[in-house]
C-alpha cells in the first residue's frame, strides 16, 4: 500500500480505538485512583517504568538490537497500541510495527496465563 494512505488509516483507526476506550472507561479514572486506588496506580506506574527501562537496557546493551526494532518490541511486550503509534510517529518510519507484531501475541498470551494463575492463588 501507499505509505501515505497506510499512515492515514493507522492514525484514523488508532484514534477510533482510543476514543472508544476512553469513552467507555475514562469516566471511572477519578473514582479508581481515589482512596486505596492511588497506591495501586503508583505501584503500576513504577512497575511499567522499571520494565520499560530494563527491556531497553537489556535489548540495547546486551542483545544489541536496533533502536527502531527495540521500540516496537517494548511496546508490543506491553501490548500498548498507543505506544506503537508514538514510536512510529517519533521515528517517522513503520519499522517498529514489525517487532510489535512479533512480540504482542506472546505478551497477550502470557497476560492471560498469568492472570489465570494469579486468580487461582489461595489468598
Protein backbone atom coordinates (compact mmCIF):
# COMPACT_ATOMS: atom_id res chain seq x y z
CA UNK A 1 0.00 0.00 0.00
CA UNK A 2 0.98 3.59 -0.42
CA UNK A 3 2.69 4.73 2.78
CA UNK A 4 0.65 7.95 2.95
CA UNK A 5 -2.64 6.04 2.78
CA UNK A 6 -1.37 3.47 5.29
CA UNK A 7 -0.32 6.23 7.69
CA UNK A 8 -3.72 7.94 7.45
CA UNK A 9 -5.54 4.64 8.03
CA UNK A 10 -3.36 3.81 11.04
CA UNK A 11 -3.98 7.23 12.59
CA UNK A 12 -7.72 7.02 11.97
CA UNK A 13 -8.20 3.52 13.41
CA UNK A 14 -5.92 4.20 16.39
CA UNK A 15 -7.99 7.32 17.14
CA UNK A 16 -11.23 5.30 16.94
CA UNK A 17 -9.79 2.65 19.28
CA UNK A 18 -8.57 5.20 21.83
CA UNK A 19 -11.81 7.20 21.68
CA UNK A 20 -13.89 4.08 22.28
CA UNK A 21 -11.77 3.01 25.22
CA UNK A 22 -11.73 6.50 26.69
CA UNK A 23 -15.48 6.98 26.38
CA UNK A 24 -16.25 3.56 27.87
CA UNK A 25 -13.82 3.62 30.81
CA UNK A 26 -12.36 7.13 31.12
CA UNK A 27 -15.05 8.44 33.47
CA UNK A 28 -14.01 5.87 36.08
CA UNK A 29 -10.42 7.12 36.35
CA UNK A 30 -11.04 9.60 39.17
CA UNK A 31 -13.05 7.03 41.11
CA UNK A 32 -10.37 4.38 40.59
CA UNK A 33 -7.41 6.44 41.80
CA UNK A 34 -9.02 7.97 44.88
CA UNK A 35 -8.58 6.28 48.23
CA UNK A 36 -6.78 2.93 48.08
CA UNK A 37 -6.56 3.06 44.30
CA UNK A 38 -3.80 5.68 44.41
CA UNK A 39 -1.34 3.13 45.79
CA UNK A 40 -2.21 0.68 43.01
CA UNK A 41 -1.72 3.44 40.42
CA UNK A 42 1.68 4.41 41.85
CA UNK A 43 2.91 0.82 42.03
CA UNK A 44 1.62 0.15 38.49
CA UNK A 45 3.42 3.20 37.13
CA UNK A 46 6.62 2.17 38.89
CA UNK A 47 6.44 -1.37 37.51
CA UNK A 48 5.78 -0.06 33.99
CA UNK A 49 8.70 2.37 34.12
CA UNK A 50 11.09 -0.24 35.50
CA UNK A 51 10.05 -2.87 32.97
CA UNK A 52 10.49 -0.49 30.02
CA UNK A 53 13.87 0.64 31.36
CA UNK A 54 15.02 -2.94 31.95
CA UNK A 55 13.79 -4.02 28.50
CA UNK A 56 15.63 -1.13 26.86
CA UNK A 57 18.88 -1.75 28.72
CA UNK A 58 18.80 -5.49 28.06
CA UNK A 59 17.86 -5.12 24.41
CA UNK A 60 20.23 -2.27 23.60
CA UNK A 61 23.34 -3.15 25.60
CA UNK A 62 23.19 -6.95 25.89
CA UNK A 63 21.47 -8.06 22.68
CA UNK A 64 22.47 -5.01 20.56
CA UNK A 65 19.01 -4.71 18.99
CA UNK A 66 18.42 -1.89 16.54
CA UNK A 67 16.62 1.03 18.25
CA UNK A 68 13.73 1.10 15.80
CA UNK A 69 13.00 -2.59 16.29
CA UNK A 70 13.55 -2.35 20.04
CA UNK A 71 10.96 0.42 20.39
CA UNK A 72 8.35 -1.77 18.69
CA UNK A 73 9.31 -4.83 20.75
CA UNK A 74 8.98 -2.94 24.03
CA UNK A 75 5.56 -1.54 23.10
CA UNK A 76 4.50 -4.98 21.89
CA UNK A 77 5.63 -6.57 25.14
CA UNK A 78 3.45 -4.10 27.00
CA UNK A 79 0.63 -4.60 24.45
CA UNK A 80 0.46 -0.85 24.00
CA UNK A 81 -1.04 0.23 20.70
CA UNK A 82 -0.72 3.92 21.66
CA UNK A 83 2.94 3.25 22.42
CA UNK A 84 3.38 1.78 18.95
CA UNK A 85 1.75 4.86 17.45
CA UNK A 86 4.10 7.10 19.44
CA UNK A 87 7.14 5.06 18.35
CA UNK A 88 6.09 5.22 14.69
CA UNK A 89 5.48 8.97 14.90
CA UNK A 90 8.72 9.66 16.78
CA UNK A 91 10.86 7.60 14.40
CA UNK A 92 8.90 8.61 11.28
CA UNK A 93 9.00 5.05 9.89
CA UNK A 94 6.96 1.85 10.08
CA UNK A 95 9.77 -0.44 11.29
CA UNK A 96 8.59 -0.61 14.95
CA UNK A 97 5.39 -2.32 13.73
CA UNK A 98 7.42 -5.36 12.64
CA UNK A 99 8.75 -6.14 16.11
CA UNK A 100 5.45 -5.10 17.72
CA UNK A 101 3.67 -7.73 15.64
CA UNK A 102 6.22 -10.32 16.71
CA UNK A 103 6.01 -9.69 20.46
CA UNK A 104 2.41 -8.60 21.09
CA UNK A 105 0.70 -12.00 20.59
CA UNK A 106 3.08 -13.73 23.01
CA UNK A 107 2.67 -10.92 25.55
CA UNK A 108 -1.13 -11.19 25.34
CA UNK A 109 -0.98 -14.96 25.82
CA UNK A 110 1.32 -14.56 28.83
CA UNK A 111 -1.00 -11.96 30.37
CA UNK A 112 -3.94 -14.35 30.08
CA UNK A 113 -1.98 -17.27 31.55
CA UNK A 114 -0.55 -15.22 34.43
CA UNK A 115 -3.96 -13.71 35.18
CA UNK A 116 -5.41 -17.21 35.50
CA UNK A 117 -2.53 -18.28 37.75
CA UNK A 118 -2.88 -15.21 39.98
CA UNK A 119 -6.64 -15.71 40.18
CA UNK A 120 -6.14 -19.33 41.31
CA UNK A 121 -3.67 -18.42 44.10
CA UNK A 122 -5.03 -19.03 47.58
CA UNK A 123 -5.20 -15.62 49.24
